[in-house]
Amino acid sequence: VIDPNFKVYAPWRDPVLLDEFPGRTQMLAFLQKHNIGHQIVSQAKKRYSTDANVLGLSNEAEDLESMETPMTIVNPIMGVWPKDAPDKEEAVTLRFESGRCVAINGKKMKPIEILQTANTIAGRNGLGISQALENRILGTKSRGVY
């Protein structure tokens, strides 16, 4: 970032990429043609987009832009809606060393395993799903379910 010659590639501004993949439907067709499985993209019949990483999901655009559309149209892939969570509370113990979580429920894990395990526990208990209306830097507003 300090290097003034550093180039940033923005794929959604690349005309060659946009010609080949003008939308999610074309991207899904490419993945299917090449036998590339993908849990999130495989649900491309939905009318909103989903981006995921180890820290969570964001669902935005199309149907979600309307405040008339309930956020419950989203399929919570990393968990369940709170109404579908167990009625029994689940106790979770975290152990920290030097400010870092190193174990969940007594089991010592690597950092990536900590994130994955925490996501699994939170997901099955309906934690972490919310919606937001945000102001984008371009001056537009966008609604998302996270």
C-alpha atoms as a PDB file:
ATOM      1  CA  VAL A   1       0.000   0.000   0.000  1.00  0.00           C
ATOM      2  CA  ILE A   2       2.953   2.307   0.547  1.00  0.00           C
ATOM      3  CA  ASP A   3       4.158   1.632  -3.020  1.00  0.00           C
ATOM      4  CA  PRO A   4       2.587   4.293  -5.304  1.00  0.00           C
ATOM      5  CA  ASN A   5       2.963   1.888  -8.262  1.00  0.00           C
ATOM      6  CA  PHE A   6       0.876  -0.793  -6.585  1.00  0.00           C
ATOM      7  CA  LYS A   7      -2.018  -1.760  -8.867  1.00  0.00           C
ATOM      8  CA  VAL A   8      -5.405  -2.844  -7.577  1.00  0.00           C
ATOM      9  CA  TYR A   9      -7.390  -5.234  -9.749  1.00  0.00           C
ATOM     10  CA  ALA A  10     -11.142  -4.658  -9.527  1.00  0.00           C
ATOM     11  CA  PRO A  11     -12.723  -7.591 -11.386  1.00  0.00           C
ATOM     12  CA  TRP A  12     -16.172  -5.989 -11.633  1.00  0.00           C
ATOM     13  CA  ARG A  13     -14.625  -3.121 -13.613  1.00  0.00           C
ATOM     14  CA  ASP A  14     -12.795  -5.426 -16.028  1.00  0.00           C
ATOM     15  CA  PRO A  15     -14.597  -5.297 -19.419  1.00  0.00           C
ATOM     16  CA  VAL A  16     -13.182  -8.689 -20.506  1.00  0.00           C
ATOM     17  CA  LEU A  17     -14.469 -10.367 -17.341  1.00  0.00           C
ATOM     18  CA  LEU A  18     -17.820  -8.595 -17.614  1.00  0.00           C
ATOM     19  CA  ASP A  19     -18.220  -9.771 -21.220  1.00  0.00           C
ATOM     20  CA  GLU A  20     -17.686 -13.375 -20.140  1.00  0.00           C
ATOM     21  CA  PHE A  21     -19.619 -13.127 -16.858  1.00  0.00           C
ATOM     22  CA  PRO A  22     -22.239 -10.363 -17.027  1.00  0.00           C
ATOM     23  CA  GLY A  23     -24.089 -11.917 -14.078  1.00  0.00           C
ATOM     24  CA  ARG A  24     -24.319 -14.714 -11.541  1.00  0.00           C
ATOM     25  CA  THR A  25     -26.246 -16.951 -13.944  1.00  0.00           C
ATOM     26  CA  GLN A  26     -23.311 -17.058 -16.363  1.00  0.00           C
ATOM     27  CA  MET A  27     -20.885 -17.624 -13.505  1.00  0.00           C
ATOM     28  CA  LEU A  28     -22.946 -20.537 -12.220  1.00  0.00           C
ATOM     29  CA  ALA A  29     -23.097 -22.054 -15.728  1.00  0.00           C
ATOM     30  CA  PHE A  30     -19.286 -21.834 -15.944  1.00  0.00           C
ATOM     31  CA  LEU A  31     -18.863 -23.546 -12.569  1.00  0.00           C
ATOM     32  CA  GLN A  32     -21.299 -26.301 -13.483  1.00  0.00           C
ATOM     33  CA  LYS A  33     -19.697 -26.832 -16.921  1.00  0.00           C
ATOM     34  CA  HIS A  34     -16.304 -27.325 -15.250  1.00  0.00           C
ATOM     35  CA  ASN A  35     -17.676 -29.428 -12.349  1.00  0.00           C
ATOM     36  CA  ILE A  36     -16.669 -26.829  -9.771  1.00  0.00           C
ATOM     37  CA  GLY A  37     -18.923 -27.196  -6.747  1.00  0.00           C
ATOM     38  CA  HIS A  38     -19.749 -24.167  -4.642  1.00  0.00           C
ATOM     39  CA  GLN A  39     -22.405 -24.142  -1.910  1.00  0.00           C
ATOM     40  CA  ILE A  40     -23.188 -20.429  -2.048  1.00  0.00           C
ATOM     41  CA  VAL A  41     -23.109 -19.841  -5.802  1.00  0.00           C
ATOM     42  CA  SER A  42     -25.086 -23.026  -6.426  1.00  0.00           C
ATOM     43  CA  GLN A  43     -28.096 -21.215  -4.982  1.00  0.00           C
ATOM     44  CA  ALA A  44     -28.005 -18.664  -7.811  1.00  0.00           C
ATOM     45  CA  LYS A  45     -31.760 -19.002  -8.451  1.00  0.00           C
ATOM     46  CA  LYS A  46     -32.249 -16.607  -5.542  1.00  0.00           C
ATOM     47  CA  ARG A  47     -32.563 -12.933  -6.385  1.00  0.00           C
ATOM     48  CA  TYR A  48     -29.798 -11.531  -4.204  1.00  0.00           C
ATOM     49  CA  SER A  49     -26.062 -12.085  -4.056  1.00  0.00           C
ATOM     50  CA  THR A  50     -24.111 -13.836  -1.322  1.00  0.00           C
ATOM     51  CA  ASP A  51     -20.442 -13.418  -0.493  1.00  0.00           C
ATOM     52  CA  ALA A  52     -18.796 -15.619   2.105  1.00  0.00           C
ATOM     53  CA  ASN A  53     -15.554 -16.122   3.936  1.00  0.00           C
ATOM     54  CA  VAL A  54     -14.495 -17.745   7.199  1.00  0.00           C
ATOM     55  CA  LEU A  55     -15.782 -14.766   9.193  1.00  0.00           C
ATOM     56  CA  GLY A  56     -19.302 -14.745   7.820  1.00  0.00           C
ATOM     57  CA  LEU A  57     -21.703 -14.057   4.968  1.00  0.00           C
ATOM     58  CA  SER A  58     -23.122 -10.967   3.357  1.00  0.00           C
ATOM     59  CA  ASN A  59     -26.315 -11.072   1.316  1.00  0.00           C
ATOM     60  CA  GLU A  60     -27.132  -7.996  -0.750  1.00  0.00           C
ATOM     61  CA  ALA A  61     -28.840  -6.560  -3.841  1.00  0.00           C
ATOM     62  CA  GLU A  62     -31.885  -7.245  -5.978  1.00  0.00           C
ATOM     63  CA  ASP A  63     -34.835  -8.392  -3.823  1.00  0.00           C
ATOM     64  CA  LEU A  64     -33.126  -7.302  -0.591  1.00  0.00           C
ATOM     65  CA  GLU A  65     -33.003  -3.683  -1.767  1.00  0.00           C
ATOM     66  CA  SER A  66     -36.725  -3.357  -1.100  1.00  0.00           C
ATOM     67  CA  MET A  67     -37.594  -2.646   2.524  1.00  0.00           C
ATOM     68  CA  GLU A  68     -40.880  -4.443   1.766  1.00  0.00           C
ATOM     69  CA  THR A  69     -38.968  -7.723   1.383  1.00  0.00           C
ATOM     70  CA  PRO A  70     -38.429  -9.519   4.705  1.00  0.00           C
ATOM     71  CA  MET A  71     -34.859 -10.463   5.542  1.00  0.00           C
ATOM     72  CA  THR A  72     -36.093 -14.021   6.051  1.00  0.00           C
ATOM     73  CA  ILE A  73     -35.912 -14.654   2.282  1.00  0.00           C
ATOM     74  CA  VAL A  74     -32.213 -15.250   2.941  1.00  0.00           C
ATOM     75  CA  ASN A  75     -31.103 -18.833   3.503  1.00  0.00           C
ATOM     76  CA  PRO A  76     -28.789 -18.616   6.565  1.00  0.00           C
ATOM     77  CA  ILE A  77     -26.163 -21.004   5.189  1.00  0.00           C
ATOM     78  CA  MET A  78     -23.858 -20.745   8.210  1.00  0.00           C
ATOM     79  CA  GLY A  79     -26.620 -21.377  10.709  1.00  0.00           C
ATOM     80  CA  VAL A  80     -30.322 -21.097  11.431  1.00  0.00           C
ATOM     81  CA  TRP A  81     -32.768 -18.306  12.089  1.00  0.00           C
ATOM     82  CA  PRO A  82     -33.210 -17.677  15.835  1.00  0.00           C
ATOM     83  CA  LYS A  83     -36.792 -19.050  15.628  1.00  0.00           C
ATOM     84  CA  ASP A  84     -35.321 -22.343  14.370  1.00  0.00           C
ATOM     85  CA  ALA A  85     -32.586 -22.556  17.013  1.00  0.00           C
ATOM     86  CA  PRO A  86     -32.839 -24.972  19.939  1.00  0.00           C
ATOM     87  CA  ASP A  87     -34.892 -23.739  22.903  1.00  0.00           C
ATOM     88  CA  LYS A  88     -32.178 -24.977  25.253  1.00  0.00           C
ATOM     89  CA  GLU A  89     -29.172 -22.748  25.949  1.00  0.00           C
ATOM     90  CA  GLU A  90     -25.714 -24.072  25.145  1.00  0.00           C
ATOM     91  CA  ALA A  91     -22.832 -23.308  27.504  1.00  0.00           C
ATOM     92  CA  VAL A  92     -19.549 -22.461  25.785  1.00  0.00           C
ATOM     93  CA  THR A  93     -16.173 -22.005  27.464  1.00  0.00           C
ATOM     94  CA  LEU A  94     -13.361 -20.049  25.824  1.00  0.00           C
ATOM     95  CA  ARG A  95      -9.746 -20.141  27.032  1.00  0.00           C
ATOM     96  CA  PHE A  96      -7.452 -17.246  26.257  1.00  0.00           C
ATOM     97  CA  GLU A  97      -3.671 -17.066  26.396  1.00  0.00           C
ATOM     98  CA  SER A  98      -1.901 -13.747  25.846  1.00  0.00           C
ATOM     99  CA  GLY A  99      -5.158 -12.244  24.615  1.00  0.00           C
ATOM    100  CA  ARG A 100      -5.880 -14.955  22.025  1.00  0.00           C
ATOM    101  CA  CYS A 101      -8.523 -17.635  22.173  1.00  0.00           C
ATOM    102  CA  VAL A 102      -6.724 -20.991  22.144  1.00  0.00           C
ATOM    103  CA  ALA A 103      -9.472 -23.417  23.190  1.00  0.00           C
ATOM    104  CA  ILE A 104     -13.225 -23.871  23.006  1.00  0.00           C
ATOM    105  CA  ASN A 105     -14.936 -26.139  25.528  1.00  0.00           C
ATOM    106  CA  GLY A 106     -11.562 -27.389  26.735  1.00  0.00           C
ATOM    107  CA  LYS A 107     -10.303 -28.404  23.292  1.00  0.00           C
ATOM    108  CA  LYS A 108      -7.132 -26.617  22.200  1.00  0.00           C
ATOM    109  CA  MET A 109      -7.250 -25.586  18.526  1.00  0.00           C
ATOM    110  CA  LYS A 110      -5.458 -23.658  15.807  1.00  0.00           C
ATOM    111  CA  PRO A 111      -6.829 -20.147  15.072  1.00  0.00           C
ATOM    112  CA  ILE A 112      -8.723 -21.265  11.954  1.00  0.00           C
ATOM    113  CA  GLU A 113     -10.308 -24.129  13.922  1.00  0.00           C
ATOM    114  CA  ILE A 114     -11.335 -21.652  16.631  1.00  0.00           C
ATOM    115  CA  LEU A 115     -13.141 -19.529  14.015  1.00  0.00           C
ATOM    116  CA  GLN A 116     -14.792 -22.536  12.396  1.00  0.00           C
ATOM    117  CA  THR A 117     -15.911 -24.014  15.719  1.00  0.00           C
ATOM    118  CA  ALA A 118     -17.213 -20.658  16.982  1.00  0.00           C
ATOM    119  CA  ASN A 119     -19.125 -20.205  13.707  1.00  0.00           C
ATOM    120  CA  THR A 120     -20.656 -23.678  14.030  1.00  0.00           C
ATOM    121  CA  ILE A 121     -21.750 -23.119  17.637  1.00  0.00           C
ATOM    122  CA  ALA A 122     -23.121 -19.636  16.934  1.00  0.00           C
ATOM    123  CA  GLY A 123     -24.815 -20.776  13.735  1.00  0.00           C
ATOM    124  CA  ARG A 124     -26.732 -23.663  15.258  1.00  0.00           C
ATOM    125  CA  ASN A 125     -27.935 -21.296  17.994  1.00  0.00           C
ATOM    126  CA  GLY A 126     -29.153 -18.599  15.600  1.00  0.00           C
ATOM    127  CA  LEU A 127     -26.583 -15.986  16.629  1.00  0.00           C
ATOM    128  CA  GLY A 128     -25.155 -13.275  14.426  1.00  0.00           C
ATOM    129  CA  ILE A 129     -27.830 -12.724  11.769  1.00  0.00           C
ATOM    130  CA  SER A 130     -28.725  -9.085  11.267  1.00  0.00           C
ATOM    131  CA  GLN A 131     -29.648  -6.589   8.581  1.00  0.00           C
ATOM    132  CA  ALA A 132     -28.324  -3.119   7.892  1.00  0.00           C
ATOM    133  CA  LEU A 133     -28.990  -0.213   5.583  1.00  0.00           C
ATOM    134  CA  GLU A 134     -25.663   1.315   4.691  1.00  0.00           C
ATOM    135  CA  ASN A 135     -24.420   4.411   2.898  1.00  0.00           C
ATOM    136  CA  ARG A 136     -21.930   3.483   0.201  1.00  0.00           C
ATOM    137  CA  ILE A 137     -18.981   5.672  -0.677  1.00  0.00           C
ATOM    138  CA  LEU A 138     -20.578   6.277  -4.104  1.00  0.00           C
ATOM    139  CA  GLY A 139     -23.533   7.969  -2.414  1.00  0.00           C
ATOM    140  CA  THR A 140     -25.916   5.046  -2.820  1.00  0.00           C
ATOM    141  CA  LYS A 141     -27.690   3.116  -0.118  1.00  0.00           C
ATOM    142  CA  SER A 142     -27.590  -0.657   0.126  1.00  0.00           C
ATOM    143  CA  ARG A 143     -29.453  -3.067   2.369  1.00  0.00           C
ATOM    144  CA  GLY A 144     -27.774  -6.261   3.420  1.00  0.00           C
ATOM    145  CA  VAL A 145     -28.412  -9.280   5.595  1.00  0.00           C
ATOM    146  CA  TYR A 146     -25.303 -10.421   7.419  1.00  0.00           C
END
